[in-house]
Amino acid sequence: MCLRWIATHEAALRGVAVLDYGCGSGILAIGAALHGGRGIDAVDI
């Protein structure tokens, strides 16, 4: 669901800082970066 939102809201992500909290494999952070997100932080314990 999050990946679908990222892919369909590229204009909203363009240049926006993104936080992937509980990043796991980093898939959401990577998806956000591919769709215009910048200054991406991915964190996990």
All heavy atoms as atom14 arrays in JSON, in Angstrom:
{
  "sequence": "MCLRWIATHEAALRGVAVLDYGCGSGILAIGAALHGGRGIDAVDI",
  "atom14_mask": [
    [1, 1, 1, 1, 1, 1, 1, 1, 0, 0, 0, 0, 0, 0],
    [1, 1, 1, 1, 1, 1, 0, 0, 0, 0, 0, 0, 0, 0],
    [1, 1, 1, 1, 1, 1, 1, 1, 0, 0, 0, 0, 0, 0],
    [1, 1, 1, 1, 1, 1, 1, 1, 1, 1, 1, 0, 0, 0],
    [1, 1, 1, 1, 1, 1, 1, 1, 1, 1, 1, 1, 1, 1],
    [1, 1, 1, 1, 1, 1, 1, 1, 0, 0, 0, 0, 0, 0],
    [1, 1, 1, 1, 1, 0, 0, 0, 0, 0, 0, 0, 0, 0],
    [1, 1, 1, 1, 1, 1, 1, 0, 0, 0, 0, 0, 0, 0],
    [1, 1, 1, 1, 1, 1, 1, 1, 1, 1, 0, 0, 0, 0],
    [1, 1, 1, 1, 1, 1, 1, 1, 1, 0, 0, 0, 0, 0],
    [1, 1, 1, 1, 1, 0, 0, 0, 0, 0, 0, 0, 0, 0],
    [1, 1, 1, 1, 1, 0, 0, 0, 0, 0, 0, 0, 0, 0],
    [1, 1, 1, 1, 1, 1, 1, 1, 0, 0, 0, 0, 0, 0],
    [1, 1, 1, 1, 1, 1, 1, 1, 1, 1, 1, 0, 0, 0],
    [1, 1, 1, 1, 0, 0, 0, 0, 0, 0, 0, 0, 0, 0],
    [1, 1, 1, 1, 1, 1, 1, 0, 0, 0, 0, 0, 0, 0],
    [1, 1, 1, 1, 1, 0, 0, 0, 0, 0, 0, 0, 0, 0],
    [1, 1, 1, 1, 1, 1, 1, 0, 0, 0, 0, 0, 0, 0],
    [1, 1, 1, 1, 1, 1, 1, 1, 0, 0, 0, 0, 0, 0],
    [1, 1, 1, 1, 1, 1, 1, 1, 0, 0, 0, 0, 0, 0],
    [1, 1, 1, 1, 1, 1, 1, 1, 1, 1, 1, 1, 0, 0],
    [1, 1, 1, 1, 0, 0, 0, 0, 0, 0, 0, 0, 0, 0],
    [1, 1, 1, 1, 1, 1, 0, 0, 0, 0, 0, 0, 0, 0],
    [1, 1, 1, 1, 0, 0, 0, 0, 0, 0, 0, 0, 0, 0],
    [1, 1, 1, 1, 1, 1, 0, 0, 0, 0, 0, 0, 0, 0],
    [1, 1, 1, 1, 0, 0, 0, 0, 0, 0, 0, 0, 0, 0],
    [1, 1, 1, 1, 1, 1, 1, 1, 0, 0, 0, 0, 0, 0],
    [1, 1, 1, 1, 1, 1, 1, 1, 0, 0, 0, 0, 0, 0],
    [1, 1, 1, 1, 1, 0, 0, 0, 0, 0, 0, 0, 0, 0],
    [1, 1, 1, 1, 1, 1, 1, 1, 0, 0, 0, 0, 0, 0],
    [1, 1, 1, 1, 0, 0, 0, 0, 0, 0, 0, 0, 0, 0],
    [1, 1, 1, 1, 1, 0, 0, 0, 0, 0, 0, 0, 0, 0],
    [1, 1, 1, 1, 1, 0, 0, 0, 0, 0, 0, 0, 0, 0],
    [1, 1, 1, 1, 1, 1, 1, 1, 0, 0, 0, 0, 0, 0],
    [1, 1, 1, 1, 1, 1, 1, 1, 1, 1, 0, 0, 0, 0],
    [1, 1, 1, 1, 0, 0, 0, 0, 0, 0, 0, 0, 0, 0],
    [1, 1, 1, 1, 0, 0, 0, 0, 0, 0, 0, 0, 0, 0],
    [1, 1, 1, 1, 1, 1, 1, 1, 1, 1, 1, 0, 0, 0],
    [1, 1, 1, 1, 0, 0, 0, 0, 0, 0, 0, 0, 0, 0],
    [1, 1, 1, 1, 1, 1, 1, 1, 0, 0, 0, 0, 0, 0],
    [1, 1, 1, 1, 1, 1, 1, 1, 0, 0, 0, 0, 0, 0],
    [1, 1, 1, 1, 1, 0, 0, 0, 0, 0, 0, 0, 0, 0],
    [1, 1, 1, 1, 1, 1, 1, 0, 0, 0, 0, 0, 0, 0],
    [1, 1, 1, 1, 1, 1, 1, 1, 0, 0, 0, 0, 0, 0],
    [1, 1, 1, 1, 1, 1, 1, 1, 0, 0, 0, 0, 0, 0]
  ],
  "atom14_positions": [
    [[0.83, -1.2, 0.0], [0.0, 0.0, 0.0], [0.88, 1.26, 0.0], [0.63, 2.2, -0.76], [-0.91, 0.01, 1.23], [-1.76, 1.25, 1.35], [-2.72, 1.29, 2.89], [-1.41, 1.4, 4.1], [0.0, 0.0, 0.0], [0.0, 0.0, 0.0], [0.0, 0.0, 0.0], [0.0, 0.0, 0.0], [0.0, 0.0, 0.0], [0.0, 0.0, 0.0]],
    [[1.92, 1.26, 0.82], [2.82, 2.41, 0.87], [3.57, 2.58, -0.45], [3.71, 3.71, -0.95], [3.82, 2.26, 2.02], [3.07, 2.45, 3.65], [0.0, 0.0, 0.0], [0.0, 0.0, 0.0], [0.0, 0.0, 0.0], [0.0, 0.0, 0.0], [0.0, 0.0, 0.0], [0.0, 0.0, 0.0], [0.0, 0.0, 0.0], [0.0, 0.0, 0.0]],
    [[4.03, 1.49, -1.04], [4.72, 1.57, -2.33], [3.79, 2.09, -3.41], [4.2, 2.88, -4.27], [5.28, 0.2, -2.72], [6.51, -0.25, -1.95], [6.81, -1.71, -2.27], [7.71, 0.63, -2.27], [0.0, 0.0, 0.0], [0.0, 0.0, 0.0], [0.0, 0.0, 0.0], [0.0, 0.0, 0.0], [0.0, 0.0, 0.0], [0.0, 0.0, 0.0]],
    [[2.54, 1.66, -3.38], [1.56, 2.14, -4.36], [1.35, 3.65, -4.2], [1.3, 4.4, -5.17], [0.24, 1.4, -4.21], [-0.75, 1.69, -5.32], [-2.0, 0.82, -5.23], [-1.67, -0.6, -5.35], [-1.84, -1.5, -4.38], [-2.37, -1.15, -3.23], [-1.52, -2.76, -4.57], [0.0, 0.0, 0.0], [0.0, 0.0, 0.0], [0.0, 0.0, 0.0]],
    [[1.26, 4.11, -2.95], [1.1, 5.54, -2.71], [2.31, 6.31, -3.22], [2.17, 7.34, -3.89], [0.9, 5.82, -1.21], [0.53, 7.25, -0.96], [-0.72, 7.77, -0.86], [1.44, 8.36, -0.82], [-0.65, 9.12, -0.67], [0.67, 9.51, -0.64], [2.82, 8.48, -0.83], [1.22, 10.78, -0.47], [3.39, 9.74, -0.67], [2.6, 10.86, -0.49]],
    [[3.5, 5.81, -2.91], [4.73, 6.45, -3.37], [4.74, 6.57, -4.9], [5.03, 7.62, -5.45], [5.97, 5.67, -2.87], [6.14, 5.89, -1.37], [7.23, 6.07, -3.63], [7.14, 4.93, -0.71], [0.0, 0.0, 0.0], [0.0, 0.0, 0.0], [0.0, 0.0, 0.0], [0.0, 0.0, 0.0], [0.0, 0.0, 0.0], [0.0, 0.0, 0.0]],
    [[4.39, 5.48, -5.57], [4.43, 5.46, -7.04], [3.4, 6.39, -7.67], [3.61, 6.89, -8.77], [4.23, 4.04, -7.53], [0.0, 0.0, 0.0], [0.0, 0.0, 0.0], [0.0, 0.0, 0.0], [0.0, 0.0, 0.0], [0.0, 0.0, 0.0], [0.0, 0.0, 0.0], [0.0, 0.0, 0.0], [0.0, 0.0, 0.0], [0.0, 0.0, 0.0]],
    [[2.29, 6.63, -6.98], [1.23, 7.45, -7.56], [1.24, 8.89, -7.06], [0.38, 9.68, -7.46], [-0.16, 6.83, -7.31], [-0.35, 6.69, -5.9], [-0.28, 5.48, -7.99], [0.0, 0.0, 0.0], [0.0, 0.0, 0.0], [0.0, 0.0, 0.0], [0.0, 0.0, 0.0], [0.0, 0.0, 0.0], [0.0, 0.0, 0.0], [0.0, 0.0, 0.0]],
    [[2.18, 9.24, -6.19], [2.25, 10.6, -5.64], [3.64, 11.2, -5.8], [4.14, 11.89, -4.91], [1.83, 10.6, -4.17], [0.38, 10.34, -3.99], [-0.14, 9.06, -3.98], [-0.67, 11.18, -3.83], [-1.45, 9.13, -3.81], [-1.79, 10.4, -3.72], [0.0, 0.0, 0.0], [0.0, 0.0, 0.0], [0.0, 0.0, 0.0], [0.0, 0.0, 0.0]],
    [[4.26, 10.93, -6.94], [5.62, 11.41, -7.17], [5.73, 12.93, -7.02], [6.69, 13.43, -6.45], [6.11, 10.99, -8.55], [7.57, 11.26, -8.76], [8.14, 10.52, -9.95], [7.64, 9.45, -10.31], [9.11, 11.02, -10.51], [0.0, 0.0, 0.0], [0.0, 0.0, 0.0], [0.0, 0.0, 0.0], [0.0, 0.0, 0.0], [0.0, 0.0, 0.0]],
    [[4.74, 13.66, -7.5], [4.79, 15.12, -7.39], [4.81, 15.57, -5.93], [5.5, 16.54, -5.58], [3.59, 15.74, -8.12], [0.0, 0.0, 0.0], [0.0, 0.0, 0.0], [0.0, 0.0, 0.0], [0.0, 0.0, 0.0], [0.0, 0.0, 0.0], [0.0, 0.0, 0.0], [0.0, 0.0, 0.0], [0.0, 0.0, 0.0], [0.0, 0.0, 0.0]],
    [[4.1, 14.87, -5.08], [4.07, 15.22, -3.66], [5.39, 14.9, -2.97], [5.74, 15.53, -1.97], [2.93, 14.48, -2.96], [0.0, 0.0, 0.0], [0.0, 0.0, 0.0], [0.0, 0.0, 0.0], [0.0, 0.0, 0.0], [0.0, 0.0, 0.0], [0.0, 0.0, 0.0], [0.0, 0.0, 0.0], [0.0, 0.0, 0.0], [0.0, 0.0, 0.0]],
    [[6.14, 13.92, -3.49], [7.41, 13.52, -2.89], [8.6, 14.33, -3.37], [9.62, 14.38, -2.7], [7.69, 12.05, -3.2], [7.02, 11.01, -2.33], [7.26, 9.63, -2.89], [7.51, 11.1, -0.91], [0.0, 0.0, 0.0], [0.0, 0.0, 0.0], [0.0, 0.0, 0.0], [0.0, 0.0, 0.0], [0.0, 0.0, 0.0], [0.0, 0.0, 0.0]],
    [[8.46, 14.95, -4.54], [9.6, 15.62, -5.16], [10.25, 16.63, -4.22], [9.62, 17.59, -3.8], [9.15, 16.31, -6.45], [10.32, 16.73, -7.32], [9.91, 17.09, -8.72], [9.35, 15.92, -9.41], [8.09, 15.86, -9.88], [7.29, 16.87, -9.76], [7.68, 14.78, -10.5], [0.0, 0.0, 0.0], [0.0, 0.0, 0.0], [0.0, 0.0, 0.0]],
    [[11.49, 16.34, -3.85], [12.27, 17.22, -3.0], [11.94, 17.18, -1.53], [12.51, 17.95, -0.75], [0.0, 0.0, 0.0], [0.0, 0.0, 0.0], [0.0, 0.0, 0.0], [0.0, 0.0, 0.0], [0.0, 0.0, 0.0], [0.0, 0.0, 0.0], [0.0, 0.0, 0.0], [0.0, 0.0, 0.0], [0.0, 0.0, 0.0], [0.0, 0.0, 0.0]],
    [[11.06, 16.3, -1.11], [10.62, 16.24, 0.28], [11.5, 15.26, 1.07], [11.86, 14.2, 0.57], [9.14, 15.79, 0.34], [8.69, 15.54, 1.77], [8.25, 16.82, -0.34], [0.0, 0.0, 0.0], [0.0, 0.0, 0.0], [0.0, 0.0, 0.0], [0.0, 0.0, 0.0], [0.0, 0.0, 0.0], [0.0, 0.0, 0.0], [0.0, 0.0, 0.0]],
    [[11.82, 15.64, 2.3], [12.57, 14.74, 3.18], [11.67, 13.58, 3.58], [10.48, 13.75, 3.82], [13.03, 15.49, 4.44], [0.0, 0.0, 0.0], [0.0, 0.0, 0.0], [0.0, 0.0, 0.0], [0.0, 0.0, 0.0], [0.0, 0.0, 0.0], [0.0, 0.0, 0.0], [0.0, 0.0, 0.0], [0.0, 0.0, 0.0], [0.0, 0.0, 0.0]],
    [[12.25, 12.38, 3.61], [11.5, 11.16, 3.88], [12.17, 10.4, 5.03], [13.4, 10.3, 5.08], [11.44, 10.25, 2.63], [10.78, 8.93, 2.94], [10.73, 10.97, 1.49], [0.0, 0.0, 0.0], [0.0, 0.0, 0.0], [0.0, 0.0, 0.0], [0.0, 0.0, 0.0], [0.0, 0.0, 0.0], [0.0, 0.0, 0.0], [0.0, 0.0, 0.0]],
    [[11.36, 9.86, 5.93], [11.85, 9.02, 7.02], [11.22, 7.64, 6.88], [10.0, 7.5, 6.87], [11.47, 9.61, 8.39], [11.74, 8.73, 9.61], [13.25, 8.46, 9.75], [11.19, 9.39, 10.87], [0.0, 0.0, 0.0], [0.0, 0.0, 0.0], [0.0, 0.0, 0.0], [0.0, 0.0, 0.0], [0.0, 0.0, 0.0], [0.0, 0.0, 0.0]],
    [[12.06, 6.62, 6.72], [11.61, 5.23, 6.7], [11.98, 4.66, 8.06], [13.12, 4.26, 8.29], [12.29, 4.47, 5.55], [11.82, 3.03, 5.42], [11.01, 2.57, 6.26], [12.27, 2.36, 4.47], [0.0, 0.0, 0.0], [0.0, 0.0, 0.0], [0.0, 0.0, 0.0], [0.0, 0.0, 0.0], [0.0, 0.0, 0.0], [0.0, 0.0, 0.0]],
    [[11.03, 4.66, 8.97], [11.26, 4.25, 10.36], [10.91, 2.78, 10.5], [9.78, 2.38, 10.27], [10.4, 5.11, 11.29], [10.75, 4.96, 12.74], [11.84, 5.64, 13.27], [10.0, 4.16, 13.57], [12.17, 5.51, 14.6], [10.32, 4.03, 14.91], [11.41, 4.69, 15.41], [11.74, 4.57, 16.73], [0.0, 0.0, 0.0], [0.0, 0.0, 0.0]],
    [[11.9, 1.98, 10.87], [11.73, 0.52, 10.87], [11.93, 0.04, 9.45], [11.09, -0.63, 8.86], [0.0, 0.0, 0.0], [0.0, 0.0, 0.0], [0.0, 0.0, 0.0], [0.0, 0.0, 0.0], [0.0, 0.0, 0.0], [0.0, 0.0, 0.0], [0.0, 0.0, 0.0], [0.0, 0.0, 0.0], [0.0, 0.0, 0.0], [0.0, 0.0, 0.0]],
    [[13.07, 0.42, 8.87], [13.29, 0.3, 7.43], [13.4, -1.12, 6.91], [13.19, -1.34, 5.71], [14.52, 1.1, 7.02], [16.05, 0.58, 7.83], [0.0, 0.0, 0.0], [0.0, 0.0, 0.0], [0.0, 0.0, 0.0], [0.0, 0.0, 0.0], [0.0, 0.0, 0.0], [0.0, 0.0, 0.0], [0.0, 0.0, 0.0], [0.0, 0.0, 0.0]],
    [[13.73, -2.09, 7.76], [13.85, -3.46, 7.25], [14.87, -3.55, 6.14], [16.04, -3.27, 6.34], [0.0, 0.0, 0.0], [0.0, 0.0, 0.0], [0.0, 0.0, 0.0], [0.0, 0.0, 0.0], [0.0, 0.0, 0.0], [0.0, 0.0, 0.0], [0.0, 0.0, 0.0], [0.0, 0.0, 0.0], [0.0, 0.0, 0.0], [0.0, 0.0, 0.0]],
    [[14.42, -3.87, 4.95], [15.31, -3.99, 3.79], [15.57, -2.65, 3.1], [16.4, -2.57, 2.21], [14.71, -4.96, 2.77], [13.5, -4.42, 2.25], [0.0, 0.0, 0.0], [0.0, 0.0, 0.0], [0.0, 0.0, 0.0], [0.0, 0.0, 0.0], [0.0, 0.0, 0.0], [0.0, 0.0, 0.0], [0.0, 0.0, 0.0], [0.0, 0.0, 0.0]],
    [[14.82, -1.63, 3.5], [14.97, -0.31, 2.9], [14.07, -0.07, 1.7], [14.19, 0.94, 1.01], [0.0, 0.0, 0.0], [0.0, 0.0, 0.0], [0.0, 0.0, 0.0], [0.0, 0.0, 0.0], [0.0, 0.0, 0.0], [0.0, 0.0, 0.0], [0.0, 0.0, 0.0], [0.0, 0.0, 0.0], [0.0, 0.0, 0.0], [0.0, 0.0, 0.0]],
    [[13.14, -0.96, 1.45], [12.33, -0.88, 0.23], [11.53, 0.42, 0.13], [11.44, 1.0, -0.95], [11.43, -2.12, 0.07], [10.81, -2.12, -1.33], [10.38, -2.19, 1.17], [10.22, -3.44, -1.73], [0.0, 0.0, 0.0], [0.0, 0.0, 0.0], [0.0, 0.0, 0.0], [0.0, 0.0, 0.0], [0.0, 0.0, 0.0], [0.0, 0.0, 0.0]],
    [[10.98, 0.9, 1.24], [10.2, 2.14, 1.16], [11.11, 3.34, 0.95], [10.77, 4.25, 0.18], [9.33, 2.32, 2.4], [8.23, 1.27, 2.57], [7.47, 1.52, 3.86], [7.29, 1.27, 1.37], [0.0, 0.0, 0.0], [0.0, 0.0, 0.0], [0.0, 0.0, 0.0], [0.0, 0.0, 0.0], [0.0, 0.0, 0.0], [0.0, 0.0, 0.0]],
    [[12.26, 3.36, 1.59], [13.21, 4.45, 1.38], [13.7, 4.47, -0.06], [13.8, 5.53, -0.69], [14.39, 4.3, 2.34], [0.0, 0.0, 0.0], [0.0, 0.0, 0.0], [0.0, 0.0, 0.0], [0.0, 0.0, 0.0], [0.0, 0.0, 0.0], [0.0, 0.0, 0.0], [0.0, 0.0, 0.0], [0.0, 0.0, 0.0], [0.0, 0.0, 0.0]],
    [[13.98, 3.32, -0.61], [14.44, 3.21, -2.0], [13.34, 3.65, -2.95], [13.57, 4.41, -3.89], [14.93, 1.79, -2.3], [16.19, 1.49, -1.49], [15.18, 1.6, -3.79], [16.56, 0.03, -1.42], [0.0, 0.0, 0.0], [0.0, 0.0, 0.0], [0.0, 0.0, 0.0], [0.0, 0.0, 0.0], [0.0, 0.0, 0.0], [0.0, 0.0, 0.0]],
    [[12.12, 3.18, -2.7], [11.0, 3.6, -3.53], [10.8, 5.1, -3.5], [10.58, 5.73, -4.53], [0.0, 0.0, 0.0], [0.0, 0.0, 0.0], [0.0, 0.0, 0.0], [0.0, 0.0, 0.0], [0.0, 0.0, 0.0], [0.0, 0.0, 0.0], [0.0, 0.0, 0.0], [0.0, 0.0, 0.0], [0.0, 0.0, 0.0], [0.0, 0.0, 0.0]],
    [[10.89, 5.69, -2.3], [10.74, 7.14, -2.18], [11.84, 7.87, -2.94], [11.59, 8.87, -3.61], [10.73, 7.54, -0.71], [0.0, 0.0, 0.0], [0.0, 0.0, 0.0], [0.0, 0.0, 0.0], [0.0, 0.0, 0.0], [0.0, 0.0, 0.0], [0.0, 0.0, 0.0], [0.0, 0.0, 0.0], [0.0, 0.0, 0.0], [0.0, 0.0, 0.0]],
    [[13.07, 7.37, -2.85], [14.18, 8.0, -3.57], [13.98, 7.93, -5.08], [14.25, 8.89, -5.81], [15.5, 7.35, -3.18], [0.0, 0.0, 0.0], [0.0, 0.0, 0.0], [0.0, 0.0, 0.0], [0.0, 0.0, 0.0], [0.0, 0.0, 0.0], [0.0, 0.0, 0.0], [0.0, 0.0, 0.0], [0.0, 0.0, 0.0], [0.0, 0.0, 0.0]],
    [[13.48, 6.81, -5.56], [13.25, 6.64, -7.0], [12.12, 7.53, -7.51], [12.03, 7.8, -8.7], [12.93, 5.18, -7.31], [14.08, 4.19, -7.15], [13.59, 2.76, -7.31], [15.18, 4.51, -8.16], [0.0, 0.0, 0.0], [0.0, 0.0, 0.0], [0.0, 0.0, 0.0], [0.0, 0.0, 0.0], [0.0, 0.0, 0.0], [0.0, 0.0, 0.0]],
    [[11.27, 7.98, -6.6], [10.13, 8.8, -6.98], [10.24, 10.24, -6.48], [9.23, 10.91, -6.29], [8.83, 8.15, -6.52], [8.51, 6.92, -7.3], [7.95, 6.95, -8.55], [8.72, 5.62, -7.03], [7.8, 5.73, -9.01], [8.27, 4.89, -8.1], [0.0, 0.0, 0.0], [0.0, 0.0, 0.0], [0.0, 0.0, 0.0], [0.0, 0.0, 0.0]],
    [[11.47, 10.71, -6.3], [11.68, 12.13, -6.05], [11.97, 12.56, -4.64], [12.3, 13.72, -4.41], [0.0, 0.0, 0.0], [0.0, 0.0, 0.0], [0.0, 0.0, 0.0], [0.0, 0.0, 0.0], [0.0, 0.0, 0.0], [0.0, 0.0, 0.0], [0.0, 0.0, 0.0], [0.0, 0.0, 0.0], [0.0, 0.0, 0.0], [0.0, 0.0, 0.0]],
    [[11.84, 11.67, -3.66], [12.15, 12.03, -2.28], [13.64, 12.34, -2.14], [14.47, 11.75, -2.83], [0.0, 0.0, 0.0], [0.0, 0.0, 0.0], [0.0, 0.0, 0.0], [0.0, 0.0, 0.0], [0.0, 0.0, 0.0], [0.0, 0.0, 0.0], [0.0, 0.0, 0.0], [0.0, 0.0, 0.0], [0.0, 0.0, 0.0], [0.0, 0.0, 0.0]],
    [[13.97, 13.26, -1.27], [15.37, 13.63, -1.05], [15.64, 13.71, 0.45], [14.72, 13.88, 1.24], [15.69, 14.98, -1.69], [15.56, 14.97, -3.2], [16.66, 14.09, -3.82], [16.48, 13.96, -5.25], [15.98, 12.88, -5.85], [15.58, 11.85, -5.15], [15.87, 12.81, -7.16], [0.0, 0.0, 0.0], [0.0, 0.0, 0.0], [0.0, 0.0, 0.0]],
    [[16.91, 13.63, 0.82], [17.26, 13.69, 2.24], [16.62, 12.56, 3.0], [16.02, 12.76, 4.05], [0.0, 0.0, 0.0], [0.0, 0.0, 0.0], [0.0, 0.0, 0.0], [0.0, 0.0, 0.0], [0.0, 0.0, 0.0], [0.0, 0.0, 0.0], [0.0, 0.0, 0.0], [0.0, 0.0, 0.0], [0.0, 0.0, 0.0], [0.0, 0.0, 0.0]],
    [[16.72, 11.37, 2.45], [16.02, 10.21, 3.01], [16.81, 9.61, 4.17], [18.0, 9.34, 4.04], [15.76, 9.17, 1.91], [14.83, 9.79, 0.88], [15.2, 7.88, 2.49], [14.63, 8.98, -0.35], [0.0, 0.0, 0.0], [0.0, 0.0, 0.0], [0.0, 0.0, 0.0], [0.0, 0.0, 0.0], [0.0, 0.0, 0.0], [0.0, 0.0, 0.0]],
    [[16.12, 9.42, 5.28], [16.69, 8.75, 6.44], [15.97, 7.42, 6.61], [14.74, 7.36, 6.57], [16.51, 9.57, 7.71], [17.39, 10.8, 7.72], [18.61, 10.66, 7.49], [16.87, 11.9, 7.98], [0.0, 0.0, 0.0], [0.0, 0.0, 0.0], [0.0, 0.0, 0.0], [0.0, 0.0, 0.0], [0.0, 0.0, 0.0], [0.0, 0.0, 0.0]],
    [[16.73, 6.35, 6.77], [16.17, 5.02, 7.01], [16.79, 4.49, 8.29], [18.01, 4.38, 8.39], [16.48, 4.1, 5.83], [0.0, 0.0, 0.0], [0.0, 0.0, 0.0], [0.0, 0.0, 0.0], [0.0, 0.0, 0.0], [0.0, 0.0, 0.0], [0.0, 0.0, 0.0], [0.0, 0.0, 0.0], [0.0, 0.0, 0.0], [0.0, 0.0, 0.0]],
    [[15.95, 4.2, 9.28], [16.45, 3.78, 10.59], [15.76, 2.49, 11.03], [14.64, 2.2, 10.64], [16.24, 4.87, 11.66], [17.02, 6.11, 11.33], [14.77, 5.2, 11.83], [0.0, 0.0, 0.0], [0.0, 0.0, 0.0], [0.0, 0.0, 0.0], [0.0, 0.0, 0.0], [0.0, 0.0, 0.0], [0.0, 0.0, 0.0], [0.0, 0.0, 0.0]],
    [[16.47, 1.72, 11.84], [15.92, 0.49, 12.39], [16.74, 0.12, 13.62], [17.92, 0.49, 13.71], [16.0, -0.64, 11.36], [14.97, -1.73, 11.61], [15.03, -2.37, 12.68], [14.1, -1.94, 10.76], [0.0, 0.0, 0.0], [0.0, 0.0, 0.0], [0.0, 0.0, 0.0], [0.0, 0.0, 0.0], [0.0, 0.0, 0.0], [0.0, 0.0, 0.0]],
    [[16.13, -0.58, 14.56], [16.87, -1.03, 15.75], [17.61, -2.34, 15.5], [18.44, -2.74, 16.3], [15.94, -1.17, 16.98], [14.86, -2.22, 16.73], [15.34, 0.17, 17.36], [14.07, -2.6, 17.98], [0.0, 0.0, 0.0], [0.0, 0.0, 0.0], [0.0, 0.0, 0.0], [0.0, 0.0, 0.0], [0.0, 0.0, 0.0], [0.0, 0.0, 0.0]]
  ]
}
